[in-house]
Amino acid sequence: MTQTLLVSCLYIGIFIFAQRLLTNWIAKLAESKQVSFKRTKMVTQYITYLLFIIIACLWVISLGIEYQQVSLFISSVFAVLGVALVAQWSILSNITAGILIFFVFPYRIGDRIKIIDKDEDVSGIIAEISLFHVLIERSDGITITYPNNLMLQKGVLKLTQAHTQAKPLSESPEKDHTQVQSD
């Protein structure tokens, strides 16, 4: 009984220490990337949940419950979650993309971007980046809600003011590309 209590206290201590360490690291990363507090809090919560699940699994295994029983339970939970999430695959992919965008997305709120999309002109200023979507305000006042998973799948251009005010190619005073024969 005393050993079980000590092991439990050890895992609680490991969880608290790791959670604080990860929270501080994410906060510093968010500050350096100028990420909003709301987005930072969401990512921190999801990573804390994942850490809790990992620590809880290790705790259960260290208590002496057989690995086969724990693995059977965990695989059953993942099977049920898998079946439940198959219908909602886009939600899972958007959450995953939202976390990836938090860590590796090179664009920030306020940047003028253009998403290469043949069907629609998706260009404007990034107004908000949430866990599921990015809000893009176009110059005509329309706000586009663009899913995170598509942000990672399509090409994104960062535009400068010179690019946004540029004339179309047909109107640009560039050199004429016709060939002239000389004698």
C-alpha atoms as a PDB file:
ATOM      1  CA  MET A   1       0.000   0.000   0.000  1.00  0.00           C
ATOM      2  CA  THR A   2       2.805   2.417   0.874  1.00  0.00           C
ATOM      3  CA  GLN A   3       4.626   1.579  -2.353  1.00  0.00           C
ATOM      4  CA  THR A   4       1.468   2.230  -4.391  1.00  0.00           C
ATOM      5  CA  LEU A   5       1.032   5.592  -2.683  1.00  0.00           C
ATOM      6  CA  LEU A   6       4.662   6.550  -3.349  1.00  0.00           C
ATOM      7  CA  VAL A   7       4.398   5.542  -7.006  1.00  0.00           C
ATOM      8  CA  SER A   8       1.175   7.539  -7.334  1.00  0.00           C
ATOM      9  CA  CYS A   9       2.803  10.612  -5.775  1.00  0.00           C
ATOM     10  CA  LEU A  10       5.809  10.207  -8.051  1.00  0.00           C
ATOM     11  CA  TYR A  11       3.633  10.161 -11.180  1.00  0.00           C
ATOM     12  CA  ILE A  12       1.608  13.151  -9.980  1.00  0.00           C
ATOM     13  CA  GLY A  13       4.876  15.021  -9.407  1.00  0.00           C
ATOM     14  CA  ILE A  14       6.170  14.032 -12.858  1.00  0.00           C
ATOM     15  CA  PHE A  15       2.914  15.201 -14.428  1.00  0.00           C
ATOM     16  CA  ILE A  16       2.976  18.575 -12.658  1.00  0.00           C
ATOM     17  CA  PHE A  17       6.658  19.146 -13.479  1.00  0.00           C
ATOM     18  CA  ALA A  18       6.276  18.131 -17.151  1.00  0.00           C
ATOM     19  CA  GLN A  19       3.082  20.140 -17.526  1.00  0.00           C
ATOM     20  CA  ARG A  20       4.706  23.305 -16.164  1.00  0.00           C
ATOM     21  CA  LEU A  21       7.773  22.755 -18.318  1.00  0.00           C
ATOM     22  CA  LEU A  22       5.654  22.307 -21.463  1.00  0.00           C
ATOM     23  CA  THR A  23       3.410  25.263 -20.577  1.00  0.00           C
ATOM     24  CA  ASN A  24       6.424  27.559 -20.154  1.00  0.00           C
ATOM     25  CA  TRP A  25       7.992  26.306 -23.388  1.00  0.00           C
ATOM     26  CA  ILE A  26       4.758  26.824 -25.347  1.00  0.00           C
ATOM     27  CA  ALA A  27       4.298  30.301 -23.824  1.00  0.00           C
ATOM     28  CA  LYS A  28       7.839  31.331 -24.842  1.00  0.00           C
ATOM     29  CA  LEU A  29       7.330  29.918 -28.330  1.00  0.00           C
ATOM     30  CA  ALA A  30       3.996  31.730 -28.648  1.00  0.00           C
ATOM     31  CA  GLU A  31       5.551  34.991 -27.496  1.00  0.00           C
ATOM     32  CA  SER A  32       8.394  34.705 -29.993  1.00  0.00           C
ATOM     33  CA  LYS A  33       5.943  33.936 -32.812  1.00  0.00           C
ATOM     34  CA  GLN A  34       3.438  36.573 -31.625  1.00  0.00           C
ATOM     35  CA  VAL A  35       0.580  34.101 -31.287  1.00  0.00           C
ATOM     36  CA  SER A  36      -2.640  35.169 -29.575  1.00  0.00           C
ATOM     37  CA  PHE A  37      -3.287  34.152 -25.971  1.00  0.00           C
ATOM     38  CA  LYS A  38      -6.457  32.294 -26.918  1.00  0.00           C
ATOM     39  CA  ARG A  39      -4.635  30.077 -29.417  1.00  0.00           C
ATOM     40  CA  THR A  40      -1.776  29.471 -27.000  1.00  0.00           C
ATOM     41  CA  LYS A  41      -4.231  28.384 -24.309  1.00  0.00           C
ATOM     42  CA  MET A  42      -5.967  25.922 -26.664  1.00  0.00           C
ATOM     43  CA  VAL A  43      -2.716  24.281 -27.744  1.00  0.00           C
ATOM     44  CA  THR A  44      -1.535  24.105 -24.130  1.00  0.00           C
ATOM     45  CA  GLN A  45      -4.768  22.386 -23.098  1.00  0.00           C
ATOM     46  CA  TYR A  46      -4.540  19.765 -25.839  1.00  0.00           C
ATOM     47  CA  ILE A  47      -0.918  18.989 -25.039  1.00  0.00           C
ATOM     48  CA  THR A  48      -1.780  18.781 -21.314  1.00  0.00           C
ATOM     49  CA  TYR A  49      -4.549  16.269 -22.089  1.00  0.00           C
ATOM     50  CA  LEU A  50      -2.126  14.178 -24.121  1.00  0.00           C
ATOM     51  CA  LEU A  51       0.485  14.322 -21.335  1.00  0.00           C
ATOM     52  CA  PHE A  52      -2.138  13.266 -18.777  1.00  0.00           C
ATOM     53  CA  ILE A  53      -3.121  10.246 -20.868  1.00  0.00           C
ATOM     54  CA  ILE A  54       0.516   9.192 -21.255  1.00  0.00           C
ATOM     55  CA  ILE A  55       1.267   9.600 -17.522  1.00  0.00           C
ATOM     56  CA  ALA A  56      -1.947   7.776 -16.570  1.00  0.00           C
ATOM     57  CA  CYS A  57      -1.043   4.827 -18.817  1.00  0.00           C
ATOM     58  CA  LEU A  58       2.449   4.646 -17.321  1.00  0.00           C
ATOM     59  CA  TRP A  59       0.984   4.863 -13.803  1.00  0.00           C
ATOM     60  CA  VAL A  60      -1.472   2.022 -14.450  1.00  0.00           C
ATOM     61  CA  ILE A  61       1.291  -0.173 -15.879  1.00  0.00           C
ATOM     62  CA  SER A  62       3.601   0.567 -12.938  1.00  0.00           C
ATOM     63  CA  LEU A  63       0.870  -0.423 -10.465  1.00  0.00           C
ATOM     64  CA  GLY A  64       1.229  -3.981 -11.639  1.00  0.00           C
ATOM     65  CA  ILE A  65      -1.693  -4.305 -13.952  1.00  0.00           C
ATOM     66  CA  GLU A  66      -0.594  -6.536 -16.774  1.00  0.00           C
ATOM     67  CA  TYR A  67       0.492  -4.900 -19.976  1.00  0.00           C
ATOM     68  CA  GLN A  68      -1.941  -7.022 -21.992  1.00  0.00           C
ATOM     69  CA  GLN A  69      -4.917  -5.784 -19.970  1.00  0.00           C
ATOM     70  CA  VAL A  70      -3.848  -2.151 -20.308  1.00  0.00           C
ATOM     71  CA  SER A  71      -3.123  -2.501 -24.020  1.00  0.00           C
ATOM     72  CA  LEU A  72      -6.495  -4.207 -24.554  1.00  0.00           C
ATOM     73  CA  PHE A  73      -8.271  -1.347 -22.791  1.00  0.00           C
ATOM     74  CA  ILE A  74      -6.335   1.340 -24.664  1.00  0.00           C
ATOM     75  CA  SER A  75      -6.831  -0.339 -28.037  1.00  0.00           C
ATOM     76  CA  SER A  76     -10.556  -0.668 -27.298  1.00  0.00           C
ATOM     77  CA  VAL A  77     -10.784   3.034 -26.464  1.00  0.00           C
ATOM     78  CA  PHE A  78      -8.903   3.945 -29.645  1.00  0.00           C
ATOM     79  CA  ALA A  79     -11.136   1.640 -31.703  1.00  0.00           C
ATOM     80  CA  VAL A  80     -14.265   3.346 -30.381  1.00  0.00           C
ATOM     81  CA  LEU A  81     -12.728   6.787 -30.917  1.00  0.00           C
ATOM     82  CA  GLY A  82     -11.602   5.754 -34.391  1.00  0.00           C
ATOM     83  CA  VAL A  83     -15.099   4.672 -35.389  1.00  0.00           C
ATOM     84  CA  ALA A  84     -16.573   7.845 -33.901  1.00  0.00           C
ATOM     85  CA  LEU A  85     -14.059  10.100 -35.627  1.00  0.00           C
ATOM     86  CA  VAL A  86     -14.246   8.484 -39.066  1.00  0.00           C
ATOM     87  CA  ALA A  87     -17.481  10.375 -39.652  1.00  0.00           C
ATOM     88  CA  GLN A  88     -15.815  13.533 -38.362  1.00  0.00           C
ATOM     89  CA  TRP A  89     -12.422  13.114 -40.039  1.00  0.00           C
ATOM     90  CA  SER A  90     -12.290  16.761 -41.061  1.00  0.00           C
ATOM     91  CA  ILE A  91     -12.548  17.845 -37.421  1.00  0.00           C
ATOM     92  CA  LEU A  92      -9.595  15.665 -36.455  1.00  0.00           C
ATOM     93  CA  SER A  93      -7.528  16.836 -39.434  1.00  0.00           C
ATOM     94  CA  ASN A  94      -8.344  20.486 -38.674  1.00  0.00           C
ATOM     95  CA  ILE A  95      -7.303  20.091 -35.030  1.00  0.00           C
ATOM     96  CA  THR A  96      -4.054  18.415 -36.084  1.00  0.00           C
ATOM     97  CA  ALA A  97      -3.444  21.098 -38.699  1.00  0.00           C
ATOM     98  CA  GLY A  98      -4.225  23.786 -36.105  1.00  0.00           C
ATOM     99  CA  ILE A  99      -1.533  22.438 -33.809  1.00  0.00           C
ATOM    100  CA  LEU A 100       0.930  22.193 -36.715  1.00  0.00           C
ATOM    101  CA  ILE A 101       0.118  25.756 -37.759  1.00  0.00           C
ATOM    102  CA  PHE A 102       0.834  26.872 -34.190  1.00  0.00           C
ATOM    103  CA  PHE A 103       4.356  25.449 -34.310  1.00  0.00           C
ATOM    104  CA  VAL A 104       5.453  25.802 -37.959  1.00  0.00           C
ATOM    105  CA  PHE A 105       3.179  28.235 -39.851  1.00  0.00           C
ATOM    106  CA  PRO A 106       5.378  31.048 -41.220  1.00  0.00           C
ATOM    107  CA  TYR A 107       2.581  33.654 -41.383  1.00  0.00           C
ATOM    108  CA  ARG A 108       1.100  35.700 -38.542  1.00  0.00           C
ATOM    109  CA  ILE A 109      -2.020  37.726 -37.843  1.00  0.00           C
ATOM    110  CA  GLY A 110      -1.834  40.920 -39.892  1.00  0.00           C
ATOM    111  CA  ASP A 111       0.131  39.390 -42.785  1.00  0.00           C
ATOM    112  CA  ARG A 112      -1.281  39.838 -46.287  1.00  0.00           C
ATOM    113  CA  ILE A 113      -1.462  36.433 -47.989  1.00  0.00           C
ATOM    114  CA  LYS A 114      -2.838  34.770 -51.098  1.00  0.00           C
ATOM    115  CA  ILE A 115      -3.825  31.104 -51.145  1.00  0.00           C
ATOM    116  CA  ILE A 116      -3.335  29.500 -54.530  1.00  0.00           C
ATOM    117  CA  ASP A 117      -6.815  28.264 -55.334  1.00  0.00           C
ATOM    118  CA  LYS A 118      -8.117  27.981 -58.881  1.00  0.00           C
ATOM    119  CA  ASP A 119     -11.795  28.318 -57.919  1.00  0.00           C
ATOM    120  CA  GLU A 120     -11.788  31.384 -55.681  1.00  0.00           C
ATOM    121  CA  ASP A 121      -9.650  34.441 -55.003  1.00  0.00           C
ATOM    122  CA  VAL A 122      -8.523  33.754 -51.469  1.00  0.00           C
ATOM    123  CA  SER A 123      -6.352  36.712 -50.635  1.00  0.00           C
ATOM    124  CA  GLY A 124      -6.370  39.252 -47.867  1.00  0.00           C
ATOM    125  CA  ILE A 125      -5.112  39.949 -44.376  1.00  0.00           C
ATOM    126  CA  ILE A 126      -5.042  37.215 -41.733  1.00  0.00           C
ATOM    127  CA  ALA A 127      -7.443  38.399 -39.032  1.00  0.00           C
ATOM    128  CA  GLU A 128      -7.473  35.338 -36.744  1.00  0.00           C
ATOM    129  CA  ILE A 129      -5.915  31.886 -36.553  1.00  0.00           C
ATOM    130  CA  SER A 130      -7.942  29.449 -34.474  1.00  0.00           C
ATOM    131  CA  LEU A 131      -7.682  25.734 -33.865  1.00  0.00           C
ATOM    132  CA  PHE A 132     -10.071  24.874 -36.722  1.00  0.00           C
ATOM    133  CA  HIS A 133      -9.784  27.687 -39.265  1.00  0.00           C
ATOM    134  CA  VAL A 134      -8.087  30.897 -40.373  1.00  0.00           C
ATOM    135  CA  LEU A 135     -10.100  34.088 -40.891  1.00  0.00           C
ATOM    136  CA  ILE A 136      -8.950  36.107 -43.893  1.00  0.00           C
ATOM    137  CA  GLU A 137     -10.332  39.602 -44.511  1.00  0.00           C
ATOM    138  CA  ARG A 138     -10.411  40.511 -48.188  1.00  0.00           C
ATOM    139  CA  SER A 139      -9.995  44.076 -49.410  1.00  0.00           C
ATOM    140  CA  ASP A 140     -13.694  44.214 -50.399  1.00  0.00           C
ATOM    141  CA  GLY A 141     -14.728  43.656 -46.755  1.00  0.00           C
ATOM    142  CA  ILE A 142     -15.630  39.970 -47.065  1.00  0.00           C
ATOM    143  CA  THR A 143     -14.242  37.671 -44.369  1.00  0.00           C
ATOM    144  CA  ILE A 144     -13.266  34.192 -45.526  1.00  0.00           C
ATOM    145  CA  THR A 145     -13.205  31.282 -43.088  1.00  0.00           C
ATOM    146  CA  TYR A 146     -10.566  28.925 -44.442  1.00  0.00           C
ATOM    147  CA  PRO A 147     -10.017  25.456 -42.871  1.00  0.00           C
ATOM    148  CA  ASN A 148      -6.607  24.779 -41.339  1.00  0.00           C
ATOM    149  CA  ASN A 149      -6.104  21.495 -43.177  1.00  0.00           C
ATOM    150  CA  LEU A 150      -6.466  23.285 -46.527  1.00  0.00           C
ATOM    151  CA  MET A 151      -3.959  25.946 -45.417  1.00  0.00           C
ATOM    152  CA  LEU A 152      -1.379  23.187 -45.119  1.00  0.00           C
ATOM    153  CA  GLN A 153      -2.370  21.499 -48.388  1.00  0.00           C
ATOM    154  CA  LYS A 154      -2.336  24.539 -50.682  1.00  0.00           C
ATOM    155  CA  GLY A 155       0.364  26.988 -51.555  1.00  0.00           C
ATOM    156  CA  VAL A 156       0.311  30.237 -49.596  1.00  0.00           C
ATOM    157  CA  LEU A 157       2.026  33.393 -50.827  1.00  0.00           C
ATOM    158  CA  LYS A 158       2.954  36.251 -48.525  1.00  0.00           C
ATOM    159  CA  LEU A 159       2.170  39.468 -50.330  1.00  0.00           C
ATOM    160  CA  THR A 160       3.750  42.848 -49.822  1.00  0.00           C
ATOM    161  CA  GLN A 161       2.002  46.136 -50.480  1.00  0.00           C
ATOM    162  CA  ALA A 162       3.699  46.314 -53.901  1.00  0.00           C
ATOM    163  CA  HIS A 163       2.108  42.989 -54.902  1.00  0.00           C
ATOM    164  CA  THR A 164      -1.354  43.973 -53.753  1.00  0.00           C
ATOM    165  CA  GLN A 165      -1.339  47.233 -55.750  1.00  0.00           C
ATOM    166  CA  ALA A 166       0.202  45.710 -58.889  1.00  0.00           C
ATOM    167  CA  LYS A 167      -1.608  45.845 -62.195  1.00  0.00           C
ATOM    168  CA  PRO A 168      -2.624  42.670 -64.013  1.00  0.00           C
ATOM    169  CA  LEU A 169      -0.060  41.337 -66.484  1.00  0.00           C
ATOM    170  CA  SER A 170      -2.119  42.444 -69.487  1.00  0.00           C
ATOM    171  CA  GLU A 171      -1.933  46.077 -68.330  1.00  0.00           C
ATOM    172  CA  SER A 172       1.671  46.126 -67.190  1.00  0.00           C
ATOM    173  CA  PRO A 173       4.046  48.205 -69.276  1.00  0.00           C
ATOM    174  CA  GLU A 174       6.542  45.408 -69.641  1.00  0.00           C
ATOM    175  CA  LYS A 175       8.590  44.809 -72.734  1.00  0.00           C
ATOM    176  CA  ASP A 176       6.799  43.482 -75.769  1.00  0.00           C
ATOM    177  CA  HIS A 177       7.950  39.921 -76.444  1.00  0.00           C
ATOM    178  CA  THR A 178       7.497  39.970 -80.213  1.00  0.00           C
ATOM    179  CA  GLN A 179      10.467  39.201 -82.358  1.00  0.00           C
ATOM    180  CA  VAL A 180      11.753  41.747 -84.806  1.00  0.00           C
ATOM    181  CA  GLN A 181      13.836  40.607 -87.732  1.00  0.00           C
ATOM    182  CA  SER A 182      16.716  42.735 -88.735  1.00  0.00           C
ATOM    183  CA  ASP A 183      18.628  42.663 -91.998  1.00  0.00           C
END
